[in-house]
PDB file of N, CA and C in Angstrom:
ATOM      1  N   MET A   1     120.776  89.817  77.728  1.00  0.00           N
ATOM      2  CA  MET A   1     119.604  89.686  76.907  1.00  0.00           C
ATOM      3  C   MET A   1     119.439  90.947  76.071  1.00  0.00           C
ATOM      4  N   THR A   2     119.389  90.815  74.779  1.00  0.00           N
ATOM      5  CA  THR A   2     119.218  91.975  73.925  1.00  0.00           C
ATOM      6  C   THR A   2     117.758  92.209  73.573  1.00  0.00           C
ATOM      7  N   SER A   3     116.986  91.154  73.369  1.00  0.00           N
ATOM      8  CA  SER A   3     115.555  91.297  73.115  1.00  0.00           C
ATOM      9  C   SER A   3     114.813  91.226  74.445  1.00  0.00           C
ATOM     10  N   PRO A   4     113.543  91.657  74.454  1.00  0.00           N
ATOM     11  CA  PRO A   4     112.801  91.565  75.719  1.00  0.00           C
ATOM     12  C   PRO A   4     112.777  90.126  76.221  1.00  0.00           C
ATOM     13  N   PRO A   5     112.917  89.944  77.522  1.00  0.00           N
ATOM     14  CA  PRO A   5     112.933  88.589  78.069  1.00  0.00           C
ATOM     15  C   PRO A   5     111.576  87.903  77.912  1.00  0.00           C
ATOM     16  N   THR A   6     111.605  86.604  77.732  1.00  0.00           N
ATOM     17  CA  THR A   6     110.388  85.804  77.660  1.00  0.00           C
ATOM     18  C   THR A   6     109.835  85.612  79.075  1.00  0.00           C
ATOM     19  N   ARG A   7     108.641  85.076  79.157  1.00  0.00           N
ATOM     20  CA  ARG A   7     108.038  84.794  80.463  1.00  0.00           C
ATOM     21  C   ARG A   7     108.913  83.829  81.268  1.00  0.00           C
ATOM     22  N   ASP A   8     109.443  82.813  80.621  1.00  0.00           N
ATOM     23  CA  ASP A   8     110.323  81.867  81.323  1.00  0.00           C
ATOM     24  C   ASP A   8     111.592  82.559  81.819  1.00  0.00           C
ATOM     25  N   GLU A   9     112.145  83.449  81.014  1.00  0.00           N
ATOM     26  CA  GLU A   9     113.342  84.187  81.440  1.00  0.00           C
ATOM     27  C   GLU A   9     113.011  85.113  82.611  1.00  0.00           C
ATOM     28  N   LEU A  10     111.826  85.722  82.594  1.00  0.00           N
ATOM     29  CA  LEU A  10     111.415  86.563  83.718  1.00  0.00           C
ATOM     30  C   LEU A  10     111.263  85.730  84.985  1.00  0.00           C
ATOM     31  N   LEU A  11     110.717  84.544  84.847  1.00  0.00           N
ATOM     32  CA  LEU A  11     110.592  83.643  85.996  1.00  0.00           C
ATOM     33  C   LEU A  11     111.971  83.335  86.571  1.00  0.00           C
ATOM     34  N   GLN A  12     112.941  83.098  85.712  1.00  0.00           N
ATOM     35  CA  GLN A  12     114.305  82.830  86.183  1.00  0.00           C
ATOM     36  C   GLN A  12     114.898  84.048  86.903  1.00  0.00           C
ATOM     37  N   LEU A  13     114.572  85.257  86.432  1.00  0.00           N
ATOM     38  CA  LEU A  13     115.034  86.469  87.111  1.00  0.00           C
ATOM     39  C   LEU A  13     114.417  86.568  88.504  1.00  0.00           C
ATOM     40  N   VAL A  14     113.137  86.247  88.612  1.00  0.00           N
ATOM     41  CA  VAL A  14     112.474  86.247  89.920  1.00  0.00           C
ATOM     42  C   VAL A  14     113.137  85.216  90.830  1.00  0.00           C
ATOM     43  N   TYR A  15     113.447  84.043  90.297  1.00  0.00           N
ATOM     44  CA  TYR A  15     114.126  83.016  91.096  1.00  0.00           C
ATOM     45  C   TYR A  15     115.495  83.506  91.587  1.00  0.00           C
ATOM     46  N   LEU A  16     116.228  84.216  90.737  1.00  0.00           N
ATOM     47  CA  LEU A  16     117.524  84.760  91.160  1.00  0.00           C
ATOM     48  C   LEU A  16     117.338  85.743  92.311  1.00  0.00           C
ATOM     49  N   ALA A  17     116.298  86.569  92.239  1.00  0.00           N
ATOM     50  CA  ALA A  17     116.020  87.522  93.316  1.00  0.00           C
ATOM     51  C   ALA A  17     115.595  86.785  94.588  1.00  0.00           C
ATOM     52  N   ILE A  18     114.826  85.714  94.448  1.00  0.00           N
ATOM     53  CA  ILE A  18     114.442  84.901  95.606  1.00  0.00           C
ATOM     54  C   ILE A  18     115.693  84.294  96.248  1.00  0.00           C
ATOM     55  N   ASP A  19     116.600  83.776  95.433  1.00  0.00           N
ATOM     56  CA  ASP A  19     117.857  83.216  95.959  1.00  0.00           C
ATOM     57  C   ASP A  19     118.648  84.281  96.714  1.00  0.00           C
ATOM     58  N   ASP A  20     118.713  85.492  96.139  1.00  0.00           N
ATOM     59  CA  ASP A  20     119.432  86.594  96.785  1.00  0.00           C
ATOM     60  C   ASP A  20     118.773  86.935  98.118  1.00  0.00           C
ATOM     61  N   PHE A  21     117.456  87.042  98.114  1.00  0.00           N
ATOM     62  CA  PHE A  21     116.712  87.354  99.330  1.00  0.00           C
ATOM     63  C   PHE A  21     116.940  86.277 100.386  1.00  0.00           C
ATOM     64  N   ASN A  22     116.806  85.023 100.004  1.00  0.00           N
ATOM     65  CA  ASN A  22     116.985  83.923 100.953  1.00  0.00           C
ATOM     66  C   ASN A  22     118.420  83.825 101.458  1.00  0.00           C
ATOM     67  N   GLY A  23     119.377  84.290 100.656  1.00  0.00           N
ATOM     68  CA  GLY A  23     120.779  84.278 101.065  1.00  0.00           C
ATOM     69  C   GLY A  23     121.064  85.192 102.238  1.00  0.00           C
ATOM     70  N   ALA A  24     120.159  86.138 102.491  1.00  0.00           N
ATOM     71  CA  ALA A  24     120.320  87.057 103.624  1.00  0.00           C
ATOM     72  C   ALA A  24     119.721  86.483 104.902  1.00  0.00           C
ATOM     73  N   SER A  25     119.318  85.214 104.876  1.00  0.00           N
ATOM     74  CA  SER A  25     118.748  84.512 106.034  1.00  0.00           C
ATOM     75  C   SER A  25     117.556  85.242 106.648  1.00  0.00           C
ATOM     76  N   PRO A  26     116.498  85.458 105.850  1.00  0.00           N
ATOM     77  CA  PRO A  26     115.313  86.123 106.402  1.00  0.00           C
ATOM     78  C   PRO A  26     114.591  85.205 107.387  1.00  0.00           C
ATOM     79  N   PRO A  27     113.762  85.776 108.251  1.00  0.00           N
ATOM     80  CA  PRO A  27     113.014  84.940 109.190  1.00  0.00           C
ATOM     81  C   PRO A  27     112.083  83.962 108.466  1.00  0.00           C
ATOM     82  N   GLN A  28     111.542  84.378 107.331  1.00  0.00           N
ATOM     83  CA  GLN A  28     110.651  83.537 106.538  1.00  0.00           C
ATOM     84  C   GLN A  28     111.187  83.488 105.105  1.00  0.00           C
ATOM     85  N   PRO A  29     111.929  82.441 104.730  1.00  0.00           N
ATOM     86  CA  PRO A  29     112.458  82.381 103.366  1.00  0.00           C
ATOM     87  C   PRO A  29     111.338  82.210 102.343  1.00  0.00           C
ATOM     88  N   LEU A  30     111.601  82.698 101.138  1.00  0.00           N
ATOM     89  CA  LEU A  30     110.645  82.572 100.042  1.00  0.00           C
ATOM     90  C   LEU A  30     110.846  81.245  99.323  1.00  0.00           C
ATOM     91  N   THR A  31     109.763  80.716  98.797  1.00  0.00           N
ATOM     92  CA  THR A  31     109.802  79.466  98.058  1.00  0.00           C
ATOM     93  C   THR A  31     110.101  79.748  96.597  1.00  0.00           C
ATOM     94  N   ARG A  32     110.944  78.946  96.015  1.00  0.00           N
ATOM     95  CA  ARG A  32     111.349  79.082  94.614  1.00  0.00           C
ATOM     96  C   ARG A  32     110.470  78.154  93.781  1.00  0.00           C
ATOM     97  N   ALA A  33     109.239  78.638  93.490  1.00  0.00           N
ATOM     98  CA  ALA A  33     108.276  77.841  92.734  1.00  0.00           C
ATOM     99  C   ALA A  33     107.419  78.770  91.878  1.00  0.00           C
ATOM    100  N   PRO A  34     106.930  78.276  90.739  1.00  0.00           N
ATOM    101  CA  PRO A  34     106.184  79.139  89.823  1.00  0.00           C
ATOM    102  C   PRO A  34     104.867  79.672  90.378  1.00  0.00           C
ATOM    103  N   ASP A  35     104.350  79.093  91.457  1.00  0.00           N
ATOM    104  CA  ASP A  35     103.097  79.568  92.035  1.00  0.00           C
ATOM    105  C   ASP A  35     103.266  80.025  93.487  1.00  0.00           C
ATOM    106  N   ALA A  36     104.497  80.309  93.894  1.00  0.00           N
ATOM    107  CA  ALA A  36     104.792  80.641  95.291  1.00  0.00           C
ATOM    108  C   ALA A  36     104.210  81.990  95.699  1.00  0.00           C
ATOM    109  N   PRO A  37     103.660  82.056  96.911  1.00  0.00           N
ATOM    110  CA  PRO A  37     103.204  83.347  97.438  1.00  0.00           C
ATOM    111  C   PRO A  37     104.413  84.203  97.825  1.00  0.00           C
ATOM    112  N   LEU A  38     104.236  85.520  97.761  1.00  0.00           N
ATOM    113  CA  LEU A  38     105.299  86.441  98.152  1.00  0.00           C
ATOM    114  C   LEU A  38     104.810  87.375  99.257  1.00  0.00           C
ATOM    115  N   TYR A  39     103.928  88.277  98.883  1.00  0.00           N
ATOM    116  CA  TYR A  39     103.450  89.303  99.818  1.00  0.00           C
ATOM    117  C   TYR A  39     101.933  89.251  99.810  1.00  0.00           C
ATOM    118  N   SER A  40     101.374  88.737 100.883  1.00  0.00           N
ATOM    119  CA  SER A  40      99.928  88.588 100.942  1.00  0.00           C
ATOM    120  C   SER A  40      99.447  88.835 102.361  1.00  0.00           C
ATOM    121  N   GLY A  41      98.182  88.689 102.551  1.00  0.00           N
ATOM    122  CA  GLY A  41      97.617  88.853 103.882  1.00  0.00           C
ATOM    123  C   GLY A  41      98.154  87.851 104.880  1.00  0.00           C
ATOM    124  N   ASP A  42      98.771  86.793 104.388  1.00  0.00           N
ATOM    125  CA  ASP A  42      99.342  85.790 105.276  1.00  0.00           C
ATOM    126  C   ASP A  42     100.617  86.277 105.949  1.00  0.00           C
ATOM    127  N   GLY A  43     101.150  87.409 105.477  1.00  0.00           N
ATOM    128  CA  GLY A  43     102.335  87.974 106.095  1.00  0.00           C
ATOM    129  C   GLY A  43     103.620  87.260 105.747  1.00  0.00           C
ATOM    130  N   LEU A  44     103.672  86.625 104.569  1.00  0.00           N
ATOM    131  CA  LEU A  44     104.886  85.923 104.166  1.00  0.00           C
ATOM    132  C   LEU A  44     106.076  86.879 104.190  1.00  0.00           C
ATOM    133  N   LEU A  45     105.945  88.024 103.517  1.00  0.00           N
ATOM    134  CA  LEU A  45     106.949  89.080 103.594  1.00  0.00           C
ATOM    135  C   LEU A  45     106.340  90.237 104.372  1.00  0.00           C
ATOM    136  N   ASP A  46     107.099  90.799 105.291  1.00  0.00           N
ATOM    137  CA  ASP A  46     106.640  92.036 105.909  1.00  0.00           C
ATOM    138  C   ASP A  46     107.056  93.184 104.987  1.00  0.00           C
ATOM    139  N   SER A  47     106.700  94.397 105.328  1.00  0.00           N
ATOM    140  CA  SER A  47     106.971  95.520 104.425  1.00  0.00           C
ATOM    141  C   SER A  47     108.470  95.726 104.193  1.00  0.00           C
ATOM    142  N   LEU A  48     109.293  95.539 105.210  1.00  0.00           N
ATOM    143  CA  LEU A  48     110.743  95.669 105.030  1.00  0.00           C
ATOM    144  C   LEU A  48     111.286  94.548 104.148  1.00  0.00           C
ATOM    145  N   GLY A  49     110.793  93.334 104.351  1.00  0.00           N
ATOM    146  CA  GLY A  49     111.193  92.213 103.510  1.00  0.00           C
ATOM    147  C   GLY A  49     110.797  92.441 102.065  1.00  0.00           C
ATOM    148  N   LEU A  50     109.602  93.006 101.852  1.00  0.00           N
ATOM    149  CA  LEU A  50     109.154  93.298 100.490  1.00  0.00           C
ATOM    150  C   LEU A  50     110.083  94.307  99.824  1.00  0.00           C
ATOM    151  N   VAL A  51     110.456  95.341 100.539  1.00  0.00           N
ATOM    152  CA  VAL A  51     111.374  96.341  99.987  1.00  0.00           C
ATOM    153  C   VAL A  51     112.703  95.683  99.613  1.00  0.00           C
ATOM    154  N   HIS A  52     113.233  94.860 100.489  1.00  0.00           N
ATOM    155  CA  HIS A  52     114.496  94.171 100.217  1.00  0.00           C
ATOM    156  C   HIS A  52     114.371  93.295  98.973  1.00  0.00           C
ATOM    157  N   PHE A  53     113.272  92.559  98.878  1.00  0.00           N
ATOM    158  CA  PHE A  53     113.064  91.695  97.726  1.00  0.00           C
ATOM    159  C   PHE A  53     112.942  92.508  96.435  1.00  0.00           C
ATOM    160  N   ILE A  54     112.196  93.603  96.462  1.00  0.00           N
ATOM    161  CA  ILE A  54     112.029  94.438  95.270  1.00  0.00           C
ATOM    162  C   ILE A  54     113.373  95.005  94.823  1.00  0.00           C
ATOM    163  N   VAL A  55     114.167  95.495  95.756  1.00  0.00           N
ATOM    164  CA  VAL A  55     115.494  96.028  95.421  1.00  0.00           C
ATOM    165  C   VAL A  55     116.356  94.931  94.806  1.00  0.00           C
ATOM    166  N   SER A  56     116.314  93.742  95.376  1.00  0.00           N
ATOM    167  CA  SER A  56     117.070  92.610  94.816  1.00  0.00           C
ATOM    168  C   SER A  56     116.624  92.304  93.391  1.00  0.00           C
ATOM    169  N   LEU A  57     115.323  92.280  93.174  1.00  0.00           N
ATOM    170  CA  LEU A  57     114.796  91.975  91.847  1.00  0.00           C
ATOM    171  C   LEU A  57     115.172  93.059  90.839  1.00  0.00           C
ATOM    172  N   GLU A  58     115.064  94.322  91.229  1.00  0.00           N
ATOM    173  CA  GLU A  58     115.461  95.407  90.323  1.00  0.00           C
ATOM    174  C   GLU A  58     116.935  95.283  89.943  1.00  0.00           C
ATOM    175  N   GLN A  59     117.774  94.909  90.912  1.00  0.00           N
ATOM    176  CA  GLN A  59     119.205  94.756  90.636  1.00  0.00           C
ATOM    177  C   GLN A  59     119.467  93.563  89.727  1.00  0.00           C
ATOM    178  N   VAL A  60     118.784  92.453  89.974  1.00  0.00           N
ATOM    179  CA  VAL A  60     118.926  91.271  89.121  1.00  0.00           C
ATOM    180  C   VAL A  60     118.531  91.615  87.689  1.00  0.00           C
ATOM    181  N   ILE A  61     117.430  92.316  87.514  1.00  0.00           N
ATOM    182  CA  ILE A  61     116.976  92.708  86.171  1.00  0.00           C
ATOM    183  C   ILE A  61     118.014  93.581  85.494  1.00  0.00           C
ATOM    184  N   ALA A  62     118.541  94.552  86.217  1.00  0.00           N
ATOM    185  CA  ALA A  62     119.571  95.433  85.648  1.00  0.00           C
ATOM    186  C   ALA A  62     120.819  94.644  85.266  1.00  0.00           C
ATOM    187  N   ASP A  63     121.253  93.752  86.151  1.00  0.00           N
ATOM    188  CA  ASP A  63     122.460  92.967  85.896  1.00  0.00           C
ATOM    189  C   ASP A  63     122.290  92.011  84.715  1.00  0.00           C
ATOM    190  N   GLN A  64     121.131  91.374  84.629  1.00  0.00           N
ATOM    191  CA  GLN A  64     120.916  90.340  83.621  1.00  0.00           C
ATOM    192  C   GLN A  64     120.431  90.861  82.272  1.00  0.00           C
ATOM    193  N   THR A  65     119.722  91.995  82.279  1.00  0.00           N
ATOM    194  CA  THR A  65     119.144  92.505  81.032  1.00  0.00           C
ATOM    195  C   THR A  65     119.761  93.818  80.572  1.00  0.00           C
ATOM    196  N   GLY A  66     120.443  94.490  81.481  1.00  0.00           N
ATOM    197  CA  GLY A  66     120.976  95.811  81.149  1.00  0.00           C
ATOM    198  C   GLY A  66     119.909  96.891  81.159  1.00  0.00           C
ATOM    199  N   ARG A  67     118.721  96.552  81.635  1.00  0.00           N
ATOM    200  CA  ARG A  67     117.608  97.500  81.661  1.00  0.00           C
ATOM    201  C   ARG A  67     117.292  97.876  83.100  1.00  0.00           C
ATOM    202  N   SER A  68     117.085  99.158  83.299  1.00  0.00           N
ATOM    203  CA  SER A  68     116.712  99.656  84.613  1.00  0.00           C
ATOM    204  C   SER A  68     115.188  99.667  84.717  1.00  0.00           C
ATOM    205  N   VAL A  69     114.680  99.181  85.818  1.00  0.00           N
ATOM    206  CA  VAL A  69     113.234  99.147  86.031  1.00  0.00           C
ATOM    207  C   VAL A  69     112.944  99.523  87.475  1.00  0.00           C
ATOM    208  N   VAL A  70     111.877 100.291  87.668  1.00  0.00           N
ATOM    209  CA  VAL A  70     111.419 100.654  89.008  1.00  0.00           C
ATOM    210  C   VAL A  70     110.105  99.936  89.238  1.00  0.00           C
ATOM    211  N   LEU A  71     110.126  98.987  90.136  1.00  0.00           N
ATOM    212  CA  LEU A  71     108.939  98.172  90.393  1.00  0.00           C
ATOM    213  C   LEU A  71     108.066  98.741  91.498  1.00  0.00           C
ATOM    214  N   ALA A  72     108.661  99.471  92.421  1.00  0.00           N
ATOM    215  CA  ALA A  72     107.920 100.034  93.541  1.00  0.00           C
ATOM    216  C   ALA A  72     107.453 101.438  93.186  1.00  0.00           C
ATOM    217  N   ASP A  73     106.516 101.504  92.245  1.00  0.00           N
ATOM    218  CA  ASP A  73     105.989 102.794  91.834  1.00  0.00           C
ATOM    219  C   ASP A  73     104.573 102.981  92.371  1.00  0.00           C
ATOM    220  N   GLU A  74     104.018 104.157  92.133  1.00  0.00           N
ATOM    221  CA  GLU A  74     102.682 104.483  92.630  1.00  0.00           C
ATOM    222  C   GLU A  74     101.635 103.498  92.112  1.00  0.00           C
ATOM    223  N   LYS A  75     101.755 103.109  90.851  1.00  0.00           N
ATOM    224  CA  LYS A  75     100.792 102.184  90.260  1.00  0.00           C
ATOM    225  C   LYS A  75     100.785 100.840  90.995  1.00  0.00           C
ATOM    226  N   ALA A  76     101.968 100.339  91.334  1.00  0.00           N
ATOM    227  CA  ALA A  76     102.073  99.050  92.014  1.00  0.00           C
ATOM    228  C   ALA A  76     101.426  99.089  93.392  1.00  0.00           C
ATOM    229  N   PHE A  77     101.626 100.182  94.112  1.00  0.00           N
ATOM    230  CA  PHE A  77     101.117 100.250  95.474  1.00  0.00           C
ATOM    231  C   PHE A  77      99.679 100.733  95.561  1.00  0.00           C
ATOM    232  N   SER A  78      99.161 101.322  94.489  1.00  0.00           N
ATOM    233  CA  SER A  78      97.767 101.759  94.504  1.00  0.00           C
ATOM    234  C   SER A  78      96.840 100.732  93.860  1.00  0.00           C
ATOM    235  N   SER A  79      97.412  99.707  93.275  1.00  0.00           N
ATOM    236  CA  SER A  79      96.625  98.672  92.622  1.00  0.00           C
ATOM    237  C   SER A  79      95.792  97.897  93.642  1.00  0.00           C
ATOM    238  N   HIS A  80      94.559  97.562  93.265  1.00  0.00           N
ATOM    239  CA  HIS A  80      93.684  96.781  94.139  1.00  0.00           C
ATOM    240  C   HIS A  80      94.294  95.402  94.409  1.00  0.00           C
ATOM    241  N   ARG A  81      94.932  94.839  93.390  1.00  0.00           N
ATOM    242  CA  ARG A  81      95.594  93.529  93.516  1.00  0.00           C
ATOM    243  C   ARG A  81      97.101  93.758  93.423  1.00  0.00           C
ATOM    244  N   SER A  82      97.790  93.515  94.493  1.00  0.00           N
ATOM    245  CA  SER A  82      99.232  93.757  94.534  1.00  0.00           C
ATOM    246  C   SER A  82      99.972  92.903  93.506  1.00  0.00           C
ATOM    247  N   PRO A  83     100.862  93.527  92.713  1.00  0.00           N
ATOM    248  CA  PRO A  83     101.669  92.745  91.779  1.00  0.00           C
ATOM    249  C   PRO A  83     102.729  91.907  92.486  1.00  0.00           C
ATOM    250  N   PHE A  84     102.859  92.074  93.788  1.00  0.00           N
ATOM    251  CA  PHE A  84     103.874  91.361  94.558  1.00  0.00           C
ATOM    252  C   PHE A  84     103.285  90.212  95.384  1.00  0.00           C
ATOM    253  N   ARG A  85     102.012  89.870  95.185  1.00  0.00           N
ATOM    254  CA  ARG A  85     101.389  88.875  96.053  1.00  0.00           C
ATOM    255  C   ARG A  85     101.888  87.460  95.815  1.00  0.00           C
ATOM    256  N   ASP A  86     102.259  87.138  94.556  1.00  0.00           N
ATOM    257  CA  ASP A  86     102.793  85.806  94.270  1.00  0.00           C
ATOM    258  C   ASP A  86     103.656  85.861  93.007  1.00  0.00           C
ATOM    259  N   VAL A  87     104.351  84.780  92.749  1.00  0.00           N
ATOM    260  CA  VAL A  87     105.285  84.748  91.618  1.00  0.00           C
ATOM    261  C   VAL A  87     104.591  84.975  90.275  1.00  0.00           C
ATOM    262  N   PRO A  88     103.462  84.306  89.958  1.00  0.00           N
ATOM    263  CA  PRO A  88     102.857  84.527  88.644  1.00  0.00           C
ATOM    264  C   PRO A  88     102.394  85.970  88.430  1.00  0.00           C
ATOM    265  N   THR A  89     101.846  86.587  89.472  1.00  0.00           N
ATOM    266  CA  THR A  89     101.404  87.976  89.359  1.00  0.00           C
ATOM    267  C   THR A  89     102.592  88.903  89.170  1.00  0.00           C
ATOM    268  N   LEU A  90     103.687  88.620  89.836  1.00  0.00           N
ATOM    269  CA  LEU A  90     104.899  89.412  89.684  1.00  0.00           C
ATOM    270  C   LEU A  90     105.458  89.284  88.271  1.00  0.00           C
ATOM    271  N   VAL A  91     105.476  88.084  87.729  1.00  0.00           N
ATOM    272  CA  VAL A  91     105.961  87.885  86.362  1.00  0.00           C
ATOM    273  C   VAL A  91     105.063  88.640  85.379  1.00  0.00           C
ATOM    274  N   ASP A  92     103.744  88.631  85.603  1.00  0.00           N
ATOM    275  CA  ASP A  92     102.824  89.403  84.762  1.00  0.00           C
ATOM    276  C   ASP A  92     103.186  90.889  84.804  1.00  0.00           C
ATOM    277  N   ALA A  93     103.443  91.402  85.998  1.00  0.00           N
ATOM    278  CA  ALA A  93     103.807  92.815  86.146  1.00  0.00           C
ATOM    279  C   ALA A  93     105.128  93.116  85.446  1.00  0.00           C
ATOM    280  N   LEU A  94     106.087  92.200  85.549  1.00  0.00           N
ATOM    281  CA  LEU A  94     107.373  92.395  84.876  1.00  0.00           C
ATOM    282  C   LEU A  94     107.188  92.432  83.369  1.00  0.00           C
ATOM    283  N   GLN A  95     106.273  91.608  82.860  1.00  0.00           N
ATOM    284  CA  GLN A  95     106.002  91.629  81.415  1.00  0.00           C
ATOM    285  C   GLN A  95     105.516  93.022  81.006  1.00  0.00           C
ATOM    286  N   GLY A  96     104.681  93.626  81.815  1.00  0.00           N
ATOM    287  CA  GLY A  96     104.200  94.978  81.531  1.00  0.00           C
ATOM    288  C   GLY A  96     105.317  96.005  81.600  1.00  0.00           C
ATOM    289  N   HIS A  97     106.189  95.889  82.582  1.00  0.00           N
ATOM    290  CA  HIS A  97     107.296  96.840  82.743  1.00  0.00           C
ATOM    291  C   HIS A  97     108.327  96.721  81.627  1.00  0.00           C
ATOM    292  N   LEU A  98     108.572  95.505  81.180  1.00  0.00           N
ATOM    293  CA  LEU A  98     109.636  95.286  80.221  1.00  0.00           C
ATOM    294  C   LEU A  98     109.134  95.112  78.782  1.00  0.00           C
ATOM    295  N   GLY A  99     107.830  95.261  78.592  1.00  0.00           N
ATOM    296  CA  GLY A  99     107.272  95.206  77.239  1.00  0.00           C
ATOM    297  C   GLY A  99     107.360  93.855  76.580  1.00  0.00           C
ATOM    298  N   THR A 100     107.229  92.790  77.354  1.00  0.00           N
ATOM    299  CA  THR A 100     107.277  91.443  76.790  1.00  0.00           C
ATOM    300  C   THR A 100     105.874  90.912  76.582  1.00  0.00           C
ATOM    301  N   THR A 101     105.768  89.841  75.878  1.00  0.00           N
ATOM    302  CA  THR A 101     104.482  89.187  75.665  1.00  0.00           C
ATOM    303  C   THR A 101     104.561  87.770  76.222  1.00  0.00           C
ATOM    304  N   PRO A 102     103.409  87.155  76.492  1.00  0.00           N
ATOM    305  CA  PRO A 102     103.410  85.808  77.088  1.00  0.00           C
ATOM    306  C   PRO A 102     104.119  84.764  76.286  1.00  0.00           C
TER     307      PRO A 102
END
């Protein structure tokens, strides 16, 4: 991708990271859906699972876009609403990181 990815392309990147995460046979696999929960009070991902998923997503973004992005920064973890709680919120955060528009 030479131009910033669209929202749909970002969703596909998240799906690739979900596939990678699920390929490692986690105790609780993630759902590949546009409104799927990721990291919430329900404990879908534990903290180690979240780290694994974030690393997978950062690698997918680098591989597919040629752009390096750090998603686990101070802003993400100090935010009142976690950008990792569900797929739509994560895609919103990726739009901010990669300078895309809806």
